[in-house]
């Protein structure tokens, strides 16, 4: 199969195709040594990429043309081009560097510097049935391994919640979602840590959502002399501490975080308060030990 590409802004006598080279298997650079820039024939280089969907070569979706920032008429920029991975070298053999007539120059262009690894167009948080539903979308992706979803209680200290695979390379809209099934009771801050295949990362903007979780629990049996059980409306994974206090406010016992029976054996008879920390919310119930 033979494909033919032409300059998308070409004109008569610009010599498009005077030099060509592959950057990689899916990208090519083509010179046009007499391309007009601002009315002068300074020259240019064009970048094309292979579209597997149409089996055609199309202009690069990120950078489609490069020119000399200090170019002058008849520099013949683009008379020679060479590409290798992220770098493109373009020759301008009639350039006048430092006032030296036609001494020539070469320009090295880092194409990766102009490529956004991920163009994030939205990132939102929504409360659905006491869970936070996170959604985001990208307009384009390059070298995108995926996203680490992170949460914070204060906007400064972050914890990793989960991983969502990226598309790698894409020039189409891609939508993603992640559900935080155990948000904190209060303000929850979220961000995305986008990771490239080469390990480089970039953080998204922060979104936040306030949650007031109505939590409650009961103790049984009450009174008791050995063990107590909890009946609760919250997710036990949200429990940060369980403590027993006497009527003077002194801590008598701190229980291990267990959803099973809690032992109160060997605690002197009397009235006490069982206090639970549920995602920062303090709940307490009185208990009579016999």
Foldseek 3Di string as FASTA:
>chain_A
DDADDDDPPDDPPQQWQLEKEAQDPFKIKIWRQQGDDPRARQIKIAMWGQDPVVRHIGGDPQDGIDGDPPTDHQLRWRNYWYHYHQKIKTWRQQDQPPNNGSNIDIDIDGNVVRDDQWAWDDWDWDQDPNKIKIKTKTQWHAQWQWKFKWKDPPVPDIDTDDIDGDPHTDNHIDMDMDMGPQDFQAKMKIKIWIAGPVGDTDIDDIDIDHHHDDKDWDWPPFAEAWKIAIDIDHDLVQWDWKFKAAPVRHTDDTFDSDNDIDTPHPPDFDKIKIWIQGRNDIDIDIGTHD
